[in-house]
Amino acid sequence: MTAADARERIARYEARAARADKTLADYRRTLPTYRRVFAALLVFGVACFGLGRLPGLWATVSAVVISGGGYAMLLGRLWEVEADVTATRHEIAQLRRPAPP
């Protein structure tokens, strides 16, 4: 690989890392809102016991599954973006290393 190729790849990786950093910052910024929404959904599901035992049970189970699944997917996506940023930064560091003789 020539030095020009390496510089071009570094520039592409840095742009990708910048986009991933922005996405990660957006996820971290909105995470408290998602936590509140999922908690409110869970409280709403439990409050549905006022409709009766069976409808309340179904509403609670549904709320738990939806809240838990949604929150787990959100954390999984957050972890995935963090791993992408780390891998991209590692690749940039590898490309900047001088080639062995």
N, C-alpha and C. Protein backbone atom coordinates (compact mmCIF):
# COMPACT_ATOMS: atom_id res chain seq x y z
N MET A 1 0.85 -1.17 0.00
CA MET A 1 0.00 0.00 0.00
C MET A 1 0.90 1.23 0.00
N THR A 2 0.57 2.15 -0.86
CA THR A 2 1.34 3.38 -0.95
C THR A 2 0.91 4.34 0.15
N ALA A 3 1.73 5.36 0.33
CA ALA A 3 1.43 6.36 1.36
C ALA A 3 0.16 7.13 1.01
N ALA A 4 -0.06 7.37 -0.27
CA ALA A 4 -1.27 8.09 -0.70
C ALA A 4 -2.51 7.25 -0.43
N ASP A 5 -2.42 5.95 -0.68
CA ASP A 5 -3.54 5.06 -0.38
C ASP A 5 -3.85 5.04 1.11
N ALA A 6 -2.80 4.99 1.90
CA ALA A 6 -2.97 4.96 3.35
C ALA A 6 -3.62 6.26 3.83
N ARG A 7 -3.17 7.39 3.29
CA ARG A 7 -3.77 8.68 3.69
C ARG A 7 -5.25 8.74 3.31
N GLU A 8 -5.57 8.21 2.11
CA GLU A 8 -6.96 8.21 1.66
C GLU A 8 -7.83 7.32 2.57
N ARG A 9 -7.31 6.14 2.91
CA ARG A 9 -8.06 5.25 3.81
C ARG A 9 -8.21 5.87 5.19
N ILE A 10 -7.17 6.51 5.69
CA ILE A 10 -7.24 7.17 6.99
C ILE A 10 -8.31 8.24 6.98
N ALA A 11 -8.37 9.03 5.90
CA ALA A 11 -9.38 10.09 5.79
C ALA A 11 -10.78 9.50 5.79
N ARG A 12 -10.98 8.39 5.06
CA ARG A 12 -12.31 7.75 5.05
C ARG A 12 -12.67 7.19 6.42
N TYR A 13 -11.69 6.56 7.09
CA TYR A 13 -11.96 6.02 8.42
C TYR A 13 -12.24 7.12 9.43
N GLU A 14 -11.52 8.24 9.31
CA GLU A 14 -11.78 9.35 10.24
C GLU A 14 -13.17 9.93 10.03
N ALA A 15 -13.61 10.02 8.78
CA ALA A 15 -14.97 10.50 8.52
C ALA A 15 -15.99 9.53 9.08
N ARG A 16 -15.74 8.24 8.90
CA ARG A 16 -16.65 7.23 9.46
C ARG A 16 -16.68 7.31 10.99
N ALA A 17 -15.51 7.46 11.61
CA ALA A 17 -15.44 7.56 13.07
C ALA A 17 -16.17 8.80 13.56
N ALA A 18 -16.07 9.90 12.83
CA ALA A 18 -16.77 11.13 13.22
C ALA A 18 -18.28 10.93 13.16
N ARG A 19 -18.76 10.26 12.10
CA ARG A 19 -20.21 9.98 12.01
C ARG A 19 -20.66 9.06 13.14
N ALA A 20 -19.86 8.04 13.43
CA ALA A 20 -20.21 7.11 14.51
C ALA A 20 -20.17 7.81 15.87
N ASP A 21 -19.22 8.71 16.07
CA ASP A 21 -19.16 9.49 17.32
C ASP A 21 -20.40 10.36 17.48
N LYS A 22 -20.85 10.96 16.38
CA LYS A 22 -22.06 11.78 16.43
C LYS A 22 -23.28 10.92 16.76
N THR A 23 -23.37 9.76 16.14
CA THR A 23 -24.48 8.84 16.42
C THR A 23 -24.44 8.40 17.88
N LEU A 24 -23.27 8.08 18.38
CA LEU A 24 -23.11 7.66 19.77
C LEU A 24 -23.51 8.78 20.73
N ALA A 25 -23.12 10.00 20.42
CA ALA A 25 -23.51 11.13 21.27
C ALA A 25 -25.02 11.33 21.26
N ASP A 26 -25.65 11.14 20.10
CA ASP A 26 -27.12 11.25 20.03
C ASP A 26 -27.79 10.18 20.87
N TYR A 27 -27.30 8.94 20.78
CA TYR A 27 -27.87 7.87 21.61
C TYR A 27 -27.72 8.17 23.09
N ARG A 28 -26.54 8.63 23.48
CA ARG A 28 -26.31 8.92 24.91
C ARG A 28 -27.17 10.10 25.37
N ARG A 29 -27.39 11.07 24.48
CA ARG A 29 -28.21 12.22 24.83
C ARG A 29 -29.66 11.83 25.02
N THR A 30 -30.17 10.93 24.20
CA THR A 30 -31.58 10.55 24.27
C THR A 30 -31.85 9.36 25.19
N LEU A 31 -30.83 8.72 25.71
CA LEU A 31 -31.01 7.55 26.57
C LEU A 31 -31.89 7.84 27.80
N PRO A 32 -31.71 8.95 28.51
CA PRO A 32 -32.61 9.22 29.65
C PRO A 32 -34.08 9.33 29.25
N THR A 33 -34.34 9.90 28.09
CA THR A 33 -35.73 10.01 27.61
C THR A 33 -36.31 8.63 27.36
N TYR A 34 -35.53 7.77 26.70
CA TYR A 34 -36.00 6.41 26.45
C TYR A 34 -36.25 5.66 27.76
N ARG A 35 -35.37 5.85 28.74
CA ARG A 35 -35.58 5.21 30.04
C ARG A 35 -36.90 5.64 30.66
N ARG A 36 -37.19 6.93 30.61
CA ARG A 36 -38.45 7.43 31.17
C ARG A 36 -39.66 6.88 30.41
N VAL A 37 -39.56 6.82 29.10
CA VAL A 37 -40.68 6.30 28.29
C VAL A 37 -40.92 4.82 28.59
N PHE A 38 -39.87 4.03 28.63
CA PHE A 38 -40.04 2.61 28.93
C PHE A 38 -40.56 2.40 30.34
N ALA A 39 -40.11 3.20 31.29
CA ALA A 39 -40.62 3.10 32.66
C ALA A 39 -42.09 3.50 32.72
N ALA A 40 -42.47 4.55 31.99
CA ALA A 40 -43.87 4.97 31.97
C ALA A 40 -44.75 3.89 31.34
N LEU A 41 -44.27 3.24 30.31
CA LEU A 41 -45.02 2.15 29.70
C LEU A 41 -45.20 1.00 30.69
N LEU A 42 -44.18 0.72 31.44
CA LEU A 42 -44.27 -0.33 32.45
C LEU A 42 -45.28 0.03 33.54
N VAL A 43 -45.26 1.26 34.00
CA VAL A 43 -46.22 1.72 35.01
C VAL A 43 -47.63 1.68 34.44
N PHE A 44 -47.81 2.07 33.21
CA PHE A 44 -49.12 2.01 32.56
C PHE A 44 -49.62 0.56 32.49
N GLY A 45 -48.73 -0.36 32.16
CA GLY A 45 -49.11 -1.77 32.10
C GLY A 45 -49.56 -2.30 33.45
N VAL A 46 -48.86 -1.92 34.51
CA VAL A 46 -49.25 -2.35 35.85
C VAL A 46 -50.55 -1.68 36.26
N ALA A 47 -50.75 -0.44 35.86
CA ALA A 47 -51.99 0.28 36.20
C ALA A 47 -53.20 -0.34 35.51
N CYS A 48 -52.97 -1.11 34.47
CA CYS A 48 -54.08 -1.74 33.75
C CYS A 48 -54.75 -2.84 34.57
N PHE A 49 -54.20 -3.18 35.72
CA PHE A 49 -54.87 -4.15 36.59
C PHE A 49 -56.22 -3.61 37.05
N GLY A 50 -56.43 -2.32 36.92
CA GLY A 50 -57.74 -1.75 37.24
C GLY A 50 -58.82 -2.19 36.26
N LEU A 51 -58.43 -2.70 35.11
CA LEU A 51 -59.39 -3.19 34.13
C LEU A 51 -59.90 -4.59 34.47
N GLY A 52 -59.23 -5.25 35.35
CA GLY A 52 -59.59 -6.62 35.71
C GLY A 52 -58.34 -7.47 35.76
N ARG A 53 -58.48 -8.67 36.32
CA ARG A 53 -57.29 -9.50 36.48
C ARG A 53 -56.71 -9.96 35.15
N LEU A 54 -57.52 -10.52 34.29
CA LEU A 54 -57.00 -11.05 33.03
C LEU A 54 -56.50 -9.94 32.10
N PRO A 55 -57.31 -8.90 31.84
CA PRO A 55 -56.78 -7.82 30.99
C PRO A 55 -55.57 -7.14 31.63
N GLY A 56 -55.59 -6.99 32.94
CA GLY A 56 -54.45 -6.38 33.63
C GLY A 56 -53.21 -7.23 33.51
N LEU A 57 -53.38 -8.55 33.61
CA LEU A 57 -52.24 -9.45 33.47
C LEU A 57 -51.66 -9.38 32.06
N TRP A 58 -52.53 -9.41 31.05
CA TRP A 58 -52.05 -9.31 29.68
C TRP A 58 -51.36 -7.96 29.42
N ALA A 59 -51.92 -6.89 29.92
CA ALA A 59 -51.32 -5.57 29.72
C ALA A 59 -49.96 -5.49 30.43
N THR A 60 -49.87 -6.04 31.63
CA THR A 60 -48.61 -6.00 32.35
C THR A 60 -47.54 -6.83 31.65
N VAL A 61 -47.91 -8.04 31.24
CA VAL A 61 -46.94 -8.90 30.55
C VAL A 61 -46.50 -8.23 29.24
N SER A 62 -47.44 -7.67 28.51
CA SER A 62 -47.10 -6.99 27.26
C SER A 62 -46.17 -5.80 27.53
N ALA A 63 -46.48 -5.02 28.55
CA ALA A 63 -45.65 -3.85 28.86
C ALA A 63 -44.25 -4.27 29.27
N VAL A 64 -44.14 -5.34 30.06
CA VAL A 64 -42.82 -5.82 30.48
C VAL A 64 -42.02 -6.29 29.27
N VAL A 65 -42.65 -7.05 28.39
CA VAL A 65 -41.94 -7.57 27.21
C VAL A 65 -41.52 -6.42 26.28
N ILE A 66 -42.43 -5.50 26.03
CA ILE A 66 -42.11 -4.39 25.13
C ILE A 66 -41.05 -3.48 25.74
N SER A 67 -41.21 -3.14 27.02
CA SER A 67 -40.23 -2.26 27.67
C SER A 67 -38.87 -2.91 27.76
N GLY A 68 -38.85 -4.16 28.24
CA GLY A 68 -37.57 -4.87 28.37
C GLY A 68 -36.91 -5.08 27.03
N GLY A 69 -37.69 -5.51 26.03
CA GLY A 69 -37.12 -5.73 24.70
C GLY A 69 -36.62 -4.45 24.06
N GLY A 70 -37.41 -3.40 24.17
CA GLY A 70 -37.01 -2.12 23.58
C GLY A 70 -35.75 -1.56 24.23
N TYR A 71 -35.69 -1.65 25.55
CA TYR A 71 -34.52 -1.14 26.25
C TYR A 71 -33.29 -1.99 25.93
N ALA A 72 -33.47 -3.31 25.86
CA ALA A 72 -32.34 -4.18 25.52
C ALA A 72 -31.84 -3.90 24.10
N MET A 73 -32.76 -3.68 23.17
CA MET A 73 -32.35 -3.35 21.80
C MET A 73 -31.61 -2.02 21.75
N LEU A 74 -32.08 -1.06 22.53
CA LEU A 74 -31.42 0.24 22.57
C LEU A 74 -30.01 0.11 23.12
N LEU A 75 -29.85 -0.63 24.22
CA LEU A 75 -28.52 -0.83 24.79
C LEU A 75 -27.63 -1.64 23.85
N GLY A 76 -28.22 -2.60 23.14
CA GLY A 76 -27.45 -3.36 22.16
C GLY A 76 -26.94 -2.49 21.03
N ARG A 77 -27.78 -1.60 20.55
CA ARG A 77 -27.36 -0.67 19.49
C ARG A 77 -26.29 0.28 20.00
N LEU A 78 -26.45 0.74 21.23
CA LEU A 78 -25.44 1.61 21.84
C LEU A 78 -24.09 0.88 21.92
N TRP A 79 -24.13 -0.37 22.36
CA TRP A 79 -22.90 -1.16 22.45
C TRP A 79 -22.29 -1.36 21.06
N GLU A 80 -23.13 -1.61 20.06
CA GLU A 80 -22.66 -1.83 18.70
C GLU A 80 -21.96 -0.58 18.14
N VAL A 81 -22.53 0.58 18.38
CA VAL A 81 -21.92 1.83 17.89
C VAL A 81 -20.61 2.10 18.62
N GLU A 82 -20.57 1.84 19.93
CA GLU A 82 -19.32 2.00 20.68
C GLU A 82 -18.23 1.08 20.14
N ALA A 83 -18.60 -0.17 19.83
CA ALA A 83 -17.63 -1.11 19.27
C ALA A 83 -17.16 -0.66 17.90
N ASP A 84 -18.05 -0.09 17.10
CA ASP A 84 -17.68 0.40 15.78
C ASP A 84 -16.69 1.56 15.88
N VAL A 85 -16.94 2.47 16.82
CA VAL A 85 -16.03 3.60 17.02
C VAL A 85 -14.66 3.08 17.46
N THR A 86 -14.64 2.14 18.40
CA THR A 86 -13.37 1.60 18.88
C THR A 86 -12.61 0.89 17.76
N ALA A 87 -13.31 0.08 16.98
CA ALA A 87 -12.66 -0.65 15.88
C ALA A 87 -12.13 0.31 14.82
N THR A 88 -12.90 1.35 14.52
CA THR A 88 -12.46 2.32 13.51
C THR A 88 -11.23 3.07 14.00
N ARG A 89 -11.24 3.49 15.26
CA ARG A 89 -10.06 4.18 15.81
C ARG A 89 -8.84 3.25 15.80
N HIS A 90 -9.06 1.97 16.10
CA HIS A 90 -7.96 1.00 16.08
C HIS A 90 -7.40 0.85 14.67
N GLU A 91 -8.28 0.80 13.68
CA GLU A 91 -7.85 0.68 12.29
C GLU A 91 -7.06 1.91 11.86
N ILE A 92 -7.49 3.08 12.29
CA ILE A 92 -6.73 4.30 11.98
C ILE A 92 -5.34 4.23 12.59
N ALA A 93 -5.24 3.77 13.83
CA ALA A 93 -3.94 3.66 14.48
C ALA A 93 -3.06 2.64 13.75
N GLN A 94 -3.65 1.55 13.26
CA GLN A 94 -2.89 0.56 12.51
C GLN A 94 -2.36 1.16 11.20
N LEU A 95 -3.17 1.95 10.54
CA LEU A 95 -2.73 2.54 9.27
C LEU A 95 -1.66 3.61 9.48
N ARG A 96 -1.66 4.25 10.61
CA ARG A 96 -0.66 5.30 10.87
C ARG A 96 0.69 4.73 11.31
N ARG A 97 0.70 3.48 11.75
CA ARG A 97 1.94 2.86 12.15
C ARG A 97 2.86 2.71 10.94
N PRO A 98 4.15 2.94 11.17
CA PRO A 98 5.06 2.74 10.04
C PRO A 98 5.17 1.25 9.70
N ALA A 99 5.30 0.98 8.42
CA ALA A 99 5.42 -0.42 7.96
C ALA A 99 6.76 -0.99 8.41
N PRO A 100 6.76 -2.28 8.79
CA PRO A 100 8.05 -2.89 9.19
C PRO A 100 8.98 -3.01 7.98
N PRO A 101 10.27 -2.94 8.23
CA PRO A 101 11.23 -2.98 7.10
C PRO A 101 11.26 -4.31 6.39
